[in-house]
N, C-alpha and C. Protein backbone atom coordinates (compact mmCIF):
# COMPACT_ATOMS: atom_id res chain seq x y z
N UNK A 1 78.23 119.17 108.79
CA UNK A 1 78.75 117.51 108.67
C UNK A 1 80.34 117.30 109.01
N UNK A 2 80.75 116.79 110.01
CA UNK A 2 82.01 116.58 110.79
C UNK A 2 82.65 115.53 110.13
N UNK A 3 83.67 115.70 109.57
CA UNK A 3 84.82 114.46 109.00
C UNK A 3 84.48 113.51 109.98
N UNK A 4 84.87 112.02 108.91
CA UNK A 4 84.61 111.11 110.22
C UNK A 4 85.90 111.29 110.87
N UNK A 5 87.35 111.67 110.65
CA UNK A 5 88.26 111.36 111.47
C UNK A 5 88.58 112.23 112.49
N UNK A 6 87.07 113.14 112.89
CA UNK A 6 86.92 113.91 114.24
C UNK A 6 86.19 113.52 115.04
N UNK A 7 86.56 113.49 116.48
CA UNK A 7 85.28 113.11 117.52
C UNK A 7 84.95 114.08 117.65
N UNK A 8 83.28 114.10 118.40
CA UNK A 8 82.49 114.72 118.81
C UNK A 8 83.11 115.82 120.07
N UNK A 9 82.87 116.68 119.89
CA UNK A 9 83.25 117.89 120.89
C UNK A 9 82.96 117.32 122.51
N UNK A 10 83.73 117.33 123.29
CA UNK A 10 83.48 116.82 125.19
C UNK A 10 82.88 117.72 125.61
N UNK A 11 82.78 118.81 125.26
CA UNK A 11 81.77 120.30 126.09
C UNK A 11 81.59 121.44 125.20
N UNK A 12 80.62 122.06 125.65
CA UNK A 12 79.91 122.98 124.92
C UNK A 12 81.04 124.02 124.49
N UNK A 13 81.98 124.23 125.27
CA UNK A 13 83.02 124.98 125.13
C UNK A 13 83.91 124.81 123.50
N UNK A 14 83.91 123.62 123.86
CA UNK A 14 84.95 122.64 122.99
C UNK A 14 83.71 122.68 121.20
N UNK A 15 82.75 122.74 121.64
CA UNK A 15 81.65 122.87 120.48
C UNK A 15 81.34 124.21 119.60
N UNK A 16 81.78 125.50 120.92
CA UNK A 16 82.11 126.75 120.50
C UNK A 16 83.03 126.75 119.24
N UNK A 17 84.31 125.71 119.98
CA UNK A 17 85.49 126.56 119.24
C UNK A 17 85.41 125.62 117.79
N UNK A 18 84.70 124.58 118.08
CA UNK A 18 85.10 123.56 116.53
C UNK A 18 83.96 124.52 115.44
N UNK A 19 83.11 125.28 116.08
CA UNK A 19 82.21 125.86 115.14
C UNK A 19 83.30 127.52 114.63
N UNK A 20 83.96 128.23 115.63
CA UNK A 20 84.66 129.37 115.03
C UNK A 20 86.04 128.46 114.50
N UNK A 21 86.12 127.26 114.62
CA UNK A 21 87.61 127.39 113.32
C UNK A 21 87.24 126.81 111.80
N UNK A 22 85.72 126.56 111.51
CA UNK A 22 85.21 126.79 110.19
C UNK A 22 85.56 127.46 109.60
N UNK A 23 86.00 127.37 108.05
CA UNK A 23 86.34 128.52 107.24
C UNK A 23 85.43 129.49 106.85
N UNK A 24 84.16 129.12 106.81
CA UNK A 24 83.20 130.14 106.46
C UNK A 24 81.88 129.82 107.34
N UNK A 25 80.81 130.56 107.05
CA UNK A 25 79.67 130.46 107.61
C UNK A 25 78.59 129.77 106.55
N UNK A 26 77.60 128.78 107.35
CA UNK A 26 76.63 128.65 106.18
C UNK A 26 75.87 129.40 105.67
N UNK A 27 75.51 129.87 104.21
CA UNK A 27 74.30 130.28 103.43
C UNK A 27 75.24 131.41 102.85
N UNK A 28 76.44 131.29 102.73
CA UNK A 28 77.10 132.41 101.73
C UNK A 28 77.71 133.70 103.29
N UNK A 29 76.90 133.81 104.53
CA UNK A 29 77.71 134.79 105.33
C UNK A 29 78.71 134.78 105.73
N UNK A 30 80.01 134.56 104.84
CA UNK A 30 81.40 134.94 105.71
C UNK A 30 82.23 136.14 105.91
N UNK A 31 81.43 137.14 105.22
CA UNK A 31 82.16 138.86 105.35
C UNK A 31 81.20 139.65 106.06
N UNK A 32 82.05 140.35 107.06
CA UNK A 32 81.53 141.37 107.73
C UNK A 32 81.50 142.39 106.88
N UNK A 33 80.23 143.08 107.04
CA UNK A 33 79.89 144.58 106.17
C UNK A 33 81.29 145.45 107.05
N UNK A 34 81.82 146.34 106.06
CA UNK A 34 82.80 146.89 106.33
C UNK A 34 82.46 148.55 106.84
N UNK A 35 80.96 148.14 106.82
CA UNK A 35 80.48 149.65 106.87
C UNK A 35 79.58 149.60 108.81
N UNK A 36 80.12 148.41 109.26
CA UNK A 36 79.59 148.13 110.37
C UNK A 36 80.04 148.98 111.44
N UNK A 37 79.47 149.83 112.42
CA UNK A 37 79.81 150.30 113.22
C UNK A 37 78.95 150.33 114.35
N UNK A 38 79.46 150.90 115.48
CA UNK A 38 78.97 150.69 116.85
C UNK A 38 78.74 149.49 117.34
N UNK A 39 77.88 149.67 118.04
CA UNK A 39 76.91 148.34 118.68
C UNK A 39 78.38 147.61 119.72
N UNK A 40 79.34 148.34 120.17
CA UNK A 40 80.23 148.08 121.04
C UNK A 40 79.17 147.24 122.49
N UNK A 41 78.47 148.12 122.81
CA UNK A 41 77.66 147.54 124.11
C UNK A 41 77.15 146.28 124.11
N UNK A 42 76.78 146.50 122.83
CA UNK A 42 76.02 144.51 122.74
C UNK A 42 76.95 143.77 122.67
N UNK A 43 77.60 144.09 121.76
CA UNK A 43 78.67 142.73 121.66
C UNK A 43 79.38 142.58 122.99
N UNK A 44 79.74 143.42 123.49
CA UNK A 44 80.68 143.13 125.14
C UNK A 44 78.95 142.69 126.12
N UNK A 45 78.10 142.90 125.93
CA UNK A 45 77.10 142.19 127.09
C UNK A 45 76.75 141.12 126.52
N UNK A 46 76.78 140.58 125.01
CA UNK A 46 76.82 138.91 124.80
C UNK A 46 77.97 138.39 124.76
N UNK A 47 79.21 138.77 124.82
CA UNK A 47 80.34 138.54 124.98
C UNK A 47 80.49 137.74 126.73
N UNK A 48 79.95 138.87 127.38
CA UNK A 48 79.64 138.91 129.24
C UNK A 48 78.66 137.23 129.11
N UNK A 49 77.85 137.76 128.61
CA UNK A 49 76.54 136.38 128.93
C UNK A 49 77.25 134.94 128.29
N UNK A 50 77.97 134.94 127.44
CA UNK A 50 77.99 133.82 126.77
C UNK A 50 79.54 133.13 127.83
N UNK A 51 80.46 133.91 127.81
CA UNK A 51 81.80 133.87 128.83
C UNK A 51 81.18 133.45 130.35
N UNK A 52 80.24 133.86 130.92
CA UNK A 52 79.87 133.02 131.90
C UNK A 52 80.23 131.65 132.46
N UNK A 53 81.12 131.49 133.57
CA UNK A 53 81.34 130.26 133.90
C UNK A 53 80.08 129.69 133.94
N UNK A 54 79.91 128.54 133.48
CA UNK A 54 78.46 127.20 133.98
C UNK A 54 78.56 126.11 132.61
N UNK A 55 80.01 125.52 132.92
CA UNK A 55 80.23 123.86 131.89
C UNK A 55 79.28 123.29 131.91
N UNK A 56 78.30 122.85 132.58
CA UNK A 56 77.35 121.49 132.67
C UNK A 56 76.09 122.43 131.36
N UNK A 57 76.00 123.51 131.35
CA UNK A 57 74.93 123.96 130.68
C UNK A 57 74.73 124.91 129.40
N UNK A 58 74.66 124.30 128.50
CA UNK A 58 74.58 124.81 126.87
C UNK A 58 74.11 126.92 127.09
N UNK A 59 74.89 127.60 127.10
CA UNK A 59 74.43 129.09 126.94
C UNK A 59 73.75 129.49 125.30
N UNK A 60 72.77 130.16 125.77
CA UNK A 60 72.16 130.71 124.61
C UNK A 60 71.93 132.35 124.71
N UNK A 61 71.75 132.84 123.94
CA UNK A 61 71.53 134.57 124.14
C UNK A 61 70.62 134.94 122.77
N UNK A 62 69.55 135.13 122.25
CA UNK A 62 68.45 135.34 121.60
C UNK A 62 68.55 137.04 120.94
N UNK A 63 68.95 137.59 120.09
CA UNK A 63 68.95 138.51 119.44
C UNK A 63 67.65 138.60 118.48
N UNK A 64 66.77 139.53 118.76
CA UNK A 64 65.40 139.38 117.98
C UNK A 64 65.13 141.15 117.51
N UNK A 65 64.56 141.41 116.55
CA UNK A 65 64.26 142.40 115.51
C UNK A 65 63.70 142.34 114.69
N UNK A 66 63.08 143.36 113.82
CA UNK A 66 62.45 143.45 112.69
C UNK A 66 63.80 143.30 111.51
N UNK A 67 63.70 142.78 110.49
CA UNK A 67 64.33 142.50 109.16
C UNK A 67 65.04 144.22 109.08
N UNK A 68 66.28 144.14 108.78
CA UNK A 68 66.88 144.83 108.08
C UNK A 68 67.71 145.58 109.43
N UNK A 69 67.77 145.49 110.73
CA UNK A 69 68.48 146.23 111.81
C UNK A 69 69.71 145.93 112.06
N UNK A 70 70.18 144.63 111.45
CA UNK A 70 71.72 144.00 111.78
C UNK A 70 71.81 143.27 112.45
N UNK A 71 71.15 141.96 112.78
CA UNK A 71 71.01 141.08 113.84
C UNK A 71 71.85 140.39 113.31
N UNK A 72 72.58 139.69 111.93
CA UNK A 72 73.15 138.82 111.58
C UNK A 72 74.41 139.86 111.34
N UNK A 73 74.57 140.81 111.08
CA UNK A 73 75.87 141.42 111.36
C UNK A 73 76.55 141.19 112.57
N UNK A 74 75.49 141.88 113.69
CA UNK A 74 76.04 141.60 114.61
C UNK A 74 76.70 140.36 115.26
N UNK A 75 76.00 139.43 114.82
CA UNK A 75 76.41 137.87 115.02
C UNK A 75 77.88 137.71 114.32
N UNK A 76 77.66 137.99 113.01
CA UNK A 76 79.12 137.83 112.23
C UNK A 76 80.45 139.01 112.78
N UNK A 77 80.21 140.04 113.70
CA UNK A 77 81.24 140.65 114.08
C UNK A 77 81.43 140.07 115.20
N UNK A 78 80.45 139.40 116.11
CA UNK A 78 80.74 138.81 117.29
C UNK A 78 82.03 137.48 117.28
N UNK A 79 81.60 136.97 116.41
CA UNK A 79 82.29 135.65 115.67
C UNK A 79 83.80 135.96 115.08
N UNK A 80 83.74 137.11 114.49
CA UNK A 80 84.91 137.93 113.55
C UNK A 80 85.98 138.02 114.90
N UNK A 81 85.64 138.57 115.90
CA UNK A 81 85.74 138.98 117.60
C UNK A 81 86.42 138.32 118.09
N UNK A 82 85.60 136.79 118.43
CA UNK A 82 85.84 135.61 118.87
C UNK A 82 87.29 135.12 118.30
N UNK A 83 87.11 135.04 116.89
CA UNK A 83 88.05 134.27 115.95
C UNK A 83 89.16 134.98 116.26
N UNK A 84 89.75 135.98 116.44
CA UNK A 84 90.98 137.02 116.63
C UNK A 84 91.35 136.88 117.95
N UNK A 85 90.77 136.10 118.80
CA UNK A 85 90.90 136.48 120.16
C UNK A 85 92.39 135.34 120.44
């Protein structure tokens, strides 16, 4: 929930920046696994798709797979990288 003194984001990019500036993730997922490795191609592909210019439309990238293959870790790693840019 947004504090009362914060205006709503004016664009999808502003909304994404707002989410990245939050101190932690919901459901206690605020630490990237230190054993995470690889997946650089997948991370690059997601970043490329989400950074394509198209200001008037929301961007989505669906990650699917069976439980335990690292979908959440991949997302957490992506957010960690985006926060450090």
